Amino acid sequence: MQSFDYVRPTTAQEAVNAFARAAAGARYIAGGTTLYDLMKLN
């Protein structure tokens, strides 16, 4: 599984700020346990 940083913003502005500070190639993701299992495949 690739390493990743988990950010849990509580407002839309916090999400925008976190994304702006993130490394190139960062992206928003959402989901539950299925998403976590799929992340292990990469």
C-alpha atoms as a PDB file:
ATOM      1  CA  MET A   1       0.000   0.000   0.000  1.00  0.00           C
ATOM      2  CA  GLN A   2       1.298   3.433  -0.857  1.00  0.00           C
ATOM      3  CA  SER A   3       1.815   5.840   2.021  1.00  0.00           C
ATOM      4  CA  PHE A   4      -0.604   8.748   2.298  1.00  0.00           C
ATOM      5  CA  ASP A   5      -1.507  11.626   4.567  1.00  0.00           C
ATOM      6  CA  TYR A   6      -4.989  11.644   6.030  1.00  0.00           C
ATOM      7  CA  VAL A   7      -6.593  15.046   6.572  1.00  0.00           C
ATOM      8  CA  ARG A   8     -10.032  15.506   8.059  1.00  0.00           C
ATOM      9  CA  PRO A   9     -11.096  19.126   7.613  1.00  0.00           C
ATOM     10  CA  THR A  10     -14.226  20.330   9.341  1.00  0.00           C
ATOM     11  CA  THR A  11     -15.010  23.150   6.918  1.00  0.00           C
ATOM     12  CA  ALA A  12     -14.807  23.667   3.182  1.00  0.00           C
ATOM     13  CA  GLN A  13     -12.157  26.351   3.698  1.00  0.00           C
ATOM     14  CA  GLU A  14      -9.973  23.940   5.696  1.00  0.00           C
ATOM     15  CA  ALA A  15     -10.273  21.434   2.841  1.00  0.00           C
ATOM     16  CA  VAL A  16      -9.230  24.044   0.287  1.00  0.00           C
ATOM     17  CA  ASN A  17      -6.273  25.127   2.439  1.00  0.00           C
ATOM     18  CA  ALA A  18      -5.112  21.546   3.007  1.00  0.00           C
ATOM     19  CA  PHE A  19      -5.305  20.832  -0.712  1.00  0.00           C
ATOM     20  CA  ALA A  20      -3.304  23.980  -1.492  1.00  0.00           C
ATOM     21  CA  ARG A  21      -0.530  22.833   0.903  1.00  0.00           C
ATOM     22  CA  ALA A  22      -0.491  19.269  -0.439  1.00  0.00           C
ATOM     23  CA  ALA A  23       2.174  17.806  -2.696  1.00  0.00           C
ATOM     24  CA  ALA A  24       1.751  17.607  -6.446  1.00  0.00           C
ATOM     25  CA  GLY A  25      -0.619  14.834  -7.423  1.00  0.00           C
ATOM     26  CA  ALA A  26      -2.768  15.240  -4.315  1.00  0.00           C
ATOM     27  CA  ARG A  27      -6.465  14.560  -4.704  1.00  0.00           C
ATOM     28  CA  TYR A  28      -9.688  14.450  -2.753  1.00  0.00           C
ATOM     29  CA  ILE A  29     -11.029  10.991  -2.018  1.00  0.00           C
ATOM     30  CA  ALA A  30     -14.077   9.787  -0.146  1.00  0.00           C
ATOM     31  CA  GLY A  31     -15.474   6.408   0.635  1.00  0.00           C
ATOM     32  CA  GLY A  32     -15.619   3.688   3.201  1.00  0.00           C
ATOM     33  CA  THR A  33     -14.011   0.338   3.773  1.00  0.00           C
ATOM     34  CA  THR A  34     -14.155  -0.637   0.109  1.00  0.00           C
ATOM     35  CA  LEU A  35     -12.030   2.370  -0.805  1.00  0.00           C
ATOM     36  CA  TYR A  36      -9.457   1.395   1.811  1.00  0.00           C
ATOM     37  CA  ASP A  37      -9.239  -2.127   0.361  1.00  0.00           C
ATOM     38  CA  LEU A  38      -8.784  -0.754  -3.158  1.00  0.00           C
ATOM     39  CA  MET A  39      -5.977   1.528  -1.965  1.00  0.00           C
ATOM     40  CA  LYS A  40      -4.073  -1.543  -0.799  1.00  0.00           C
ATOM     41  CA  LEU A  41      -3.961  -2.827  -4.381  1.00  0.00           C
ATOM     42  CA  ASN A  42      -1.826   0.087  -5.628  1.00  0.00           C
END
